[in-house]
Amino acid sequence: MRSQICHQRGFLSTQSTSPTQTIVSSGETPKVPFPWSAFLSQPVFNHRHKLILNPTVFQQVYQVRLLESCLQKQLPSTGSRNLSN
């Protein structure tokens, strides 16, 4: 599901074939809708997670974390490469 979110947000590809996905050209930032469910479900009295009450700051942190999780996801390779040459 996370790779599906990453792909829908335009982080994995710069071209889109679906009409619901944003086409991102160089120099543009993809428009990501505000993550209301994540914002409203933040842990309130948890000392491990900092509560972010500013929606703008929360969206920036959320986008960075989403991008990091997309970049850490390992995708299956289509074939083996010989890099010794």
C-alpha atoms as a PDB file:
ATOM      1  CA  MET A   1       0.000   0.000   0.000  1.00  0.00           C
ATOM      2  CA  ARG A   2       2.867   2.380   0.774  1.00  0.00           C
ATOM      3  CA  SER A   3       4.319   1.978  -2.729  1.00  0.00           C
ATOM      4  CA  GLN A   4       0.863   2.682  -4.117  1.00  0.00           C
ATOM      5  CA  ILE A   5       0.720   5.917  -2.099  1.00  0.00           C
ATOM      6  CA  CYS A   6       4.235   6.868  -3.214  1.00  0.00           C
ATOM      7  CA  HIS A   7       3.315   6.240  -6.832  1.00  0.00           C
ATOM      8  CA  GLN A   8       0.053   8.180  -6.527  1.00  0.00           C
ATOM      9  CA  ARG A   9       1.829  11.132  -4.961  1.00  0.00           C
ATOM     10  CA  GLY A  10       4.234  11.325  -7.920  1.00  0.00           C
ATOM     11  CA  PHE A  11       7.354  10.382  -5.955  1.00  0.00           C
ATOM     12  CA  LEU A  12       8.248   7.273  -7.958  1.00  0.00           C
ATOM     13  CA  SER A  13       7.698   8.494 -11.469  1.00  0.00           C
ATOM     14  CA  THR A  14       7.690  11.801 -13.285  1.00  0.00           C
ATOM     15  CA  GLN A  15       5.077  10.809 -15.839  1.00  0.00           C
ATOM     16  CA  SER A  16       1.562   9.657 -15.128  1.00  0.00           C
ATOM     17  CA  THR A  17      -0.825   7.573 -17.147  1.00  0.00           C
ATOM     18  CA  SER A  18      -3.803   7.801 -14.814  1.00  0.00           C
ATOM     19  CA  PRO A  19      -6.002  10.910 -14.960  1.00  0.00           C
ATOM     20  CA  THR A  20      -6.049  11.086 -11.142  1.00  0.00           C
ATOM     21  CA  GLN A  21      -2.260  11.350 -10.843  1.00  0.00           C
ATOM     22  CA  THR A  22      -0.321  14.571 -11.131  1.00  0.00           C
ATOM     23  CA  ILE A  23       2.211  14.907 -13.945  1.00  0.00           C
ATOM     24  CA  VAL A  24       5.385  16.338 -12.485  1.00  0.00           C
ATOM     25  CA  SER A  25       7.869  18.089 -14.692  1.00  0.00           C
ATOM     26  CA  SER A  26      11.328  19.189 -13.629  1.00  0.00           C
ATOM     27  CA  GLY A  27      11.273  22.077 -11.206  1.00  0.00           C
ATOM     28  CA  GLU A  28       7.673  21.476 -10.057  1.00  0.00           C
ATOM     29  CA  THR A  29       6.563  20.173  -6.684  1.00  0.00           C
ATOM     30  CA  PRO A  30       3.709  17.665  -6.704  1.00  0.00           C
ATOM     31  CA  LYS A  31       0.532  18.892  -5.027  1.00  0.00           C
ATOM     32  CA  VAL A  32      -0.231  16.590  -2.115  1.00  0.00           C
ATOM     33  CA  PRO A  33      -3.590  16.981  -0.366  1.00  0.00           C
ATOM     34  CA  PHE A  34      -3.462  17.677   3.367  1.00  0.00           C
ATOM     35  CA  PRO A  35      -3.249  14.426   5.393  1.00  0.00           C
ATOM     36  CA  TRP A  36      -6.208  15.088   7.703  1.00  0.00           C
ATOM     37  CA  SER A  37      -6.424  11.533   9.037  1.00  0.00           C
ATOM     38  CA  ALA A  38      -2.756  11.495  10.061  1.00  0.00           C
ATOM     39  CA  PHE A  39      -3.001  15.007  11.531  1.00  0.00           C
ATOM     40  CA  LEU A  40      -6.062  14.188  13.632  1.00  0.00           C
ATOM     41  CA  SER A  41      -4.745  10.810  14.799  1.00  0.00           C
ATOM     42  CA  GLN A  42      -1.487  12.087  16.299  1.00  0.00           C
ATOM     43  CA  PRO A  43      -0.713  10.724  19.763  1.00  0.00           C
ATOM     44  CA  VAL A  44      -1.407  13.503  22.261  1.00  0.00           C
ATOM     45  CA  PHE A  45       0.252  12.384  25.509  1.00  0.00           C
ATOM     46  CA  ASN A  46       3.131  10.356  24.104  1.00  0.00           C
ATOM     47  CA  HIS A  47       6.669  11.396  25.047  1.00  0.00           C
ATOM     48  CA  ARG A  48       8.166   9.523  22.062  1.00  0.00           C
ATOM     49  CA  HIS A  49       6.244  11.450  19.409  1.00  0.00           C
ATOM     50  CA  LYS A  50       6.148  15.220  19.312  1.00  0.00           C
ATOM     51  CA  LEU A  51       2.664  16.649  18.812  1.00  0.00           C
ATOM     52  CA  ILE A  52       2.627  19.102  15.895  1.00  0.00           C
ATOM     53  CA  LEU A  53      -0.278  21.535  16.128  1.00  0.00           C
ATOM     54  CA  ASN A  54       0.677  23.751  13.190  1.00  0.00           C
ATOM     55  CA  PRO A  55      -0.927  22.225  10.053  1.00  0.00           C
ATOM     56  CA  THR A  56       1.676  23.717   7.711  1.00  0.00           C
ATOM     57  CA  VAL A  57       4.587  22.286   9.704  1.00  0.00           C
ATOM     58  CA  PHE A  58       2.777  18.944  10.033  1.00  0.00           C
ATOM     59  CA  GLN A  59       2.271  18.725   6.261  1.00  0.00           C
ATOM     60  CA  GLN A  60       5.944  19.454   5.605  1.00  0.00           C
ATOM     61  CA  VAL A  61       7.075  16.808   8.106  1.00  0.00           C
ATOM     62  CA  TYR A  62       4.537  14.326   6.715  1.00  0.00           C
ATOM     63  CA  GLN A  63       5.732  14.848   3.134  1.00  0.00           C
ATOM     64  CA  VAL A  64       9.378  14.376   4.136  1.00  0.00           C
ATOM     65  CA  ARG A  65       8.570  11.172   6.034  1.00  0.00           C
ATOM     66  CA  LEU A  66       6.469   9.869   3.126  1.00  0.00           C
ATOM     67  CA  LEU A  67       9.263  10.579   0.644  1.00  0.00           C
ATOM     68  CA  GLU A  68      11.837   8.920   2.911  1.00  0.00           C
ATOM     69  CA  SER A  69       9.672   5.816   3.260  1.00  0.00           C
ATOM     70  CA  CYS A  70       9.210   5.680  -0.520  1.00  0.00           C
ATOM     71  CA  LEU A  71      12.956   5.954  -1.119  1.00  0.00           C
ATOM     72  CA  GLN A  72      13.723   3.249   1.456  1.00  0.00           C
ATOM     73  CA  LYS A  73      11.306   0.795  -0.133  1.00  0.00           C
ATOM     74  CA  GLN A  74      13.163  -1.819  -2.142  1.00  0.00           C
ATOM     75  CA  LEU A  75      11.705  -2.512  -5.536  1.00  0.00           C
ATOM     76  CA  PRO A  76      12.251  -5.856  -7.258  1.00  0.00           C
ATOM     77  CA  SER A  77      14.831  -5.695 -10.004  1.00  0.00           C
ATOM     78  CA  THR A  78      13.953  -6.842 -13.514  1.00  0.00           C
ATOM     79  CA  GLY A  79      17.301  -8.491 -14.167  1.00  0.00           C
ATOM     80  CA  SER A  80      20.799  -8.907 -12.851  1.00  0.00           C
ATOM     81  CA  ARG A  81      23.530  -6.515 -13.842  1.00  0.00           C
ATOM     82  CA  ASN A  82      27.187  -7.219 -14.171  1.00  0.00           C
ATOM     83  CA  LEU A  83      28.947  -4.143 -12.775  1.00  0.00           C
ATOM     84  CA  SER A  84      32.471  -5.603 -12.815  1.00  0.00           C
ATOM     85  CA  ASN A  85      33.186  -4.417 -16.396  1.00  0.00           C
END
